[in-house]
């Protein structure tokens, strides 16, 4: 009985996060989380992975969006096209953000398995069964692969944002729902006065 009432009170006191409390996902935020050019090149050399054609991905994405916008012709007016592109670019940036976050978690996991200070189970650093890599080695390789995926999606997001600016003449910004304006004193007074007519006899 007590446990149920405690759970109920906890639910009632928990306030849902408003849209304004959420952090806007900007390209600058993604760029801080994702690997930079130097790190990507170093991971390619260290792990023997394929080089990411950052410039090629960026340019191809921008060209694709520009071609799509041109294909609409007069089907969309200027404002409708801008709204559509705003949402499309937002999807590119959100995808890059998700990849950057995932890379961060895998990097942390690899560090934890590898570090003597952070890892109490030293079996993780011993050689695995014959012909197999250790768990720590696999974690490091996977983190490197996720880093390059994040880097590639960052390139796509940059290309999308550049195309948006070229097409609309404005810098892309993440969508934010307009806040409901507070009712003026006169409107509040009018509402109270109208409510007076609805009082029951």
Protein backbone atom coordinates (compact mmCIF):
# COMPACT_ATOMS: atom_id res chain seq x y z
CA UNK A 1 0.00 0.00 0.00
CA UNK A 2 2.73 2.38 1.00
CA UNK A 3 4.83 1.46 -2.01
CA UNK A 4 1.96 2.09 -4.42
CA UNK A 5 1.19 5.48 -2.94
CA UNK A 6 4.87 6.43 -3.13
CA UNK A 7 5.01 5.54 -6.81
CA UNK A 8 1.84 7.53 -7.47
CA UNK A 9 3.17 10.62 -5.75
CA UNK A 10 6.44 10.33 -7.65
CA UNK A 11 4.58 10.28 -10.95
CA UNK A 12 2.48 13.30 -10.05
CA UNK A 13 5.49 15.38 -9.02
CA UNK A 14 7.45 14.59 -12.17
CA UNK A 15 7.06 17.41 -14.66
CA UNK A 16 7.36 16.65 -18.38
CA UNK A 17 10.15 18.46 -20.13
CA UNK A 18 8.89 21.31 -22.22
CA UNK A 19 10.06 21.73 -25.81
CA UNK A 20 12.01 24.83 -24.78
CA UNK A 21 14.07 22.75 -22.29
CA UNK A 22 15.47 20.54 -25.03
CA UNK A 23 18.83 21.38 -26.52
CA UNK A 24 18.66 22.45 -30.13
CA UNK A 25 20.67 20.18 -32.41
CA UNK A 26 22.90 22.53 -34.37
CA UNK A 27 25.69 21.71 -36.80
CA UNK A 28 28.15 23.31 -34.38
CA UNK A 29 27.06 20.88 -31.66
CA UNK A 30 27.52 17.91 -33.99
CA UNK A 31 30.95 19.14 -35.08
CA UNK A 32 32.06 19.26 -31.44
CA UNK A 33 31.02 15.63 -30.88
CA UNK A 34 32.12 14.09 -34.18
CA UNK A 35 35.75 13.36 -35.14
CA UNK A 36 37.66 16.08 -36.96
CA UNK A 37 39.77 15.61 -40.09
CA UNK A 38 43.01 14.97 -38.21
CA UNK A 39 41.48 12.32 -35.96
CA UNK A 40 39.78 10.58 -38.88
CA UNK A 41 43.05 10.41 -40.82
CA UNK A 42 44.87 9.04 -37.77
CA UNK A 43 42.27 6.31 -37.25
CA UNK A 44 42.52 5.31 -40.91
CA UNK A 45 46.29 4.90 -40.60
CA UNK A 46 46.20 3.15 -37.22
CA UNK A 47 43.45 0.63 -37.94
CA UNK A 48 43.98 0.21 -41.68
CA UNK A 49 40.48 1.43 -42.55
CA UNK A 50 39.25 3.01 -45.76
CA UNK A 51 39.67 6.76 -46.04
CA UNK A 52 36.46 8.81 -45.88
CA UNK A 53 36.02 11.13 -48.85
CA UNK A 54 34.71 14.01 -46.75
CA UNK A 55 34.74 16.57 -49.55
CA UNK A 56 33.12 14.17 -51.99
CA UNK A 57 30.29 13.29 -49.59
CA UNK A 58 29.74 16.95 -48.72
CA UNK A 59 29.62 18.08 -52.35
CA UNK A 60 27.47 15.17 -53.55
CA UNK A 61 24.93 15.81 -50.79
CA UNK A 62 24.76 19.48 -51.63
CA UNK A 63 24.31 18.75 -55.33
CA UNK A 64 21.56 16.23 -54.60
CA UNK A 65 19.59 18.71 -52.51
CA UNK A 66 20.06 21.47 -55.08
CA UNK A 67 18.84 19.16 -57.85
CA UNK A 68 15.81 18.14 -55.80
CA UNK A 69 14.90 21.75 -55.08
CA UNK A 70 15.19 22.61 -58.77
CA UNK A 71 13.00 19.65 -59.73
CA UNK A 72 10.06 21.10 -57.80
CA UNK A 73 9.90 23.98 -60.26
CA UNK A 74 6.78 26.04 -59.59
CA UNK A 75 5.09 23.24 -57.60
CA UNK A 76 6.31 24.87 -54.39
CA UNK A 77 6.42 28.58 -53.75
CA UNK A 78 9.48 30.11 -52.14
CA UNK A 79 8.20 29.80 -48.58
CA UNK A 80 6.97 26.22 -48.99
CA UNK A 81 10.32 25.20 -50.49
CA UNK A 82 12.18 26.79 -47.60
CA UNK A 83 10.03 24.97 -45.04
CA UNK A 84 10.53 21.68 -46.84
CA UNK A 85 14.29 22.14 -47.05
CA UNK A 86 14.45 23.19 -43.40
CA UNK A 87 12.99 19.84 -42.41
CA UNK A 88 15.21 17.89 -44.79
CA UNK A 89 18.37 19.57 -43.55
CA UNK A 90 17.21 18.96 -39.98
CA UNK A 91 17.08 15.24 -40.74
CA UNK A 92 20.67 15.28 -42.02
CA UNK A 93 21.89 17.13 -38.94
CA UNK A 94 19.93 14.86 -36.58
CA UNK A 95 21.37 11.77 -38.27
CA UNK A 96 24.90 13.12 -37.85
CA UNK A 97 24.15 13.97 -34.23
CA UNK A 98 22.95 10.46 -33.47
CA UNK A 99 26.02 8.96 -35.10
CA UNK A 100 28.33 11.26 -33.14
CA UNK A 101 26.66 10.29 -29.86
CA UNK A 102 26.93 6.60 -30.71
CA UNK A 103 30.61 7.01 -31.56
CA UNK A 104 31.15 8.71 -28.20
CA UNK A 105 29.65 5.78 -26.27
CA UNK A 106 31.70 3.22 -28.21
CA UNK A 107 34.87 5.24 -27.71
CA UNK A 108 34.22 5.33 -23.97
CA UNK A 109 33.55 1.57 -23.91
CA UNK A 110 36.81 0.88 -25.74
CA UNK A 111 38.76 3.10 -23.36
CA UNK A 112 37.20 1.40 -20.36
CA UNK A 113 38.07 -2.08 -21.61
CA UNK A 114 41.62 -1.03 -22.45
CA UNK A 115 42.58 1.13 -19.50
CA UNK A 116 44.19 -0.58 -16.52
CA UNK A 117 42.86 2.13 -14.25
CA UNK A 118 39.25 1.81 -15.38
CA UNK A 119 39.09 -1.94 -15.91
CA UNK A 120 39.07 -4.29 -12.92
CA UNK A 121 38.70 -7.42 -15.04
CA UNK A 122 42.13 -7.85 -16.58
CA UNK A 123 40.94 -10.87 -18.57
CA UNK A 124 39.67 -8.39 -21.14
CA UNK A 125 43.24 -7.55 -22.14
CA UNK A 126 44.46 -11.12 -22.51
CA UNK A 127 44.58 -12.84 -25.85
CA UNK A 128 41.32 -14.41 -26.89
CA UNK A 129 40.93 -17.93 -28.20
CA UNK A 130 43.29 -18.86 -31.03
CA UNK A 131 42.50 -16.85 -34.16
CA UNK A 132 40.24 -14.37 -32.39
CA UNK A 133 40.84 -10.83 -31.21
CA UNK A 134 40.35 -9.91 -27.60
CA UNK A 135 37.20 -8.13 -26.57
CA UNK A 136 39.15 -4.92 -26.00
CA UNK A 137 40.69 -5.09 -29.48
CA UNK A 138 37.29 -5.57 -31.05
CA UNK A 139 35.93 -2.64 -29.06
CA UNK A 140 38.73 -0.36 -30.26
CA UNK A 141 38.21 -1.35 -33.88
CA UNK A 142 34.45 -0.88 -33.64
CA UNK A 143 34.90 2.56 -32.06
CA UNK A 144 37.23 3.53 -34.92
CA UNK A 145 34.69 2.36 -37.49
CA UNK A 146 31.92 4.32 -35.77
CA UNK A 147 34.17 7.37 -35.71
CA UNK A 148 34.52 7.26 -39.48
CA UNK A 149 30.79 6.74 -39.93
CA UNK A 150 30.19 9.79 -37.77
CA UNK A 151 32.74 11.73 -39.82
CA UNK A 152 31.00 10.75 -43.06
CA UNK A 153 27.57 11.84 -41.80
CA UNK A 154 29.07 15.11 -40.60
CA UNK A 155 30.19 15.70 -44.19
CA UNK A 156 26.66 15.02 -45.46
CA UNK A 157 25.20 17.43 -42.91
CA UNK A 158 27.66 20.15 -43.92
CA UNK A 159 26.78 19.67 -47.57
CA UNK A 160 23.08 19.87 -46.80
CA UNK A 161 23.48 23.06 -44.80
CA UNK A 162 25.60 24.67 -47.51
CA UNK A 163 22.97 23.81 -50.12
CA UNK A 164 20.23 25.29 -47.96
CA UNK A 165 22.11 28.58 -47.72
CA UNK A 166 22.74 28.65 -51.46
CA UNK A 167 19.09 27.96 -52.31
CA UNK A 168 17.32 30.12 -49.73
CA UNK A 169 19.91 32.82 -49.11
CA UNK A 170 19.63 32.19 -45.36
CA UNK A 171 21.63 30.18 -42.85
CA UNK A 172 19.94 26.98 -41.66
CA UNK A 173 18.78 26.91 -38.05
CA UNK A 174 17.09 24.05 -36.17
CA UNK A 175 13.32 24.37 -36.01
CA UNK A 176 11.89 25.75 -32.80
CA UNK A 177 8.16 25.72 -32.14
CA UNK A 178 6.84 29.24 -31.58
CA UNK A 179 5.97 30.00 -28.00
CA UNK A 180 2.35 30.84 -27.23
CA UNK A 181 2.17 34.56 -26.44
CA UNK A 182 0.82 35.44 -23.03
CA UNK A 183 -2.67 36.89 -23.04
CA UNK A 184 -2.77 40.65 -22.60
CA UNK A 185 -4.51 42.21 -19.60
CA UNK A 186 -7.37 43.43 -21.80
CA UNK A 187 -7.91 39.97 -23.27
CA UNK A 188 -7.90 38.42 -19.83
CA UNK A 189 -10.45 40.96 -18.65
CA UNK A 190 -12.64 40.30 -21.66
CA UNK A 191 -12.51 36.58 -21.00
CA UNK A 192 -13.57 37.09 -17.37
CA UNK A 193 -16.43 39.38 -18.36
CA UNK A 194 -17.69 36.93 -21.00
CA UNK A 195 -17.53 34.12 -18.47
CA UNK A 196 -19.86 36.12 -16.23
CA UNK A 197 -22.65 35.68 -18.78
CA UNK A 198 -22.32 31.91 -18.51
CA UNK A 199 -22.91 31.64 -14.77
CA UNK A 200 -25.66 29.21 -13.84
CA UNK A 201 -28.82 30.60 -12.31
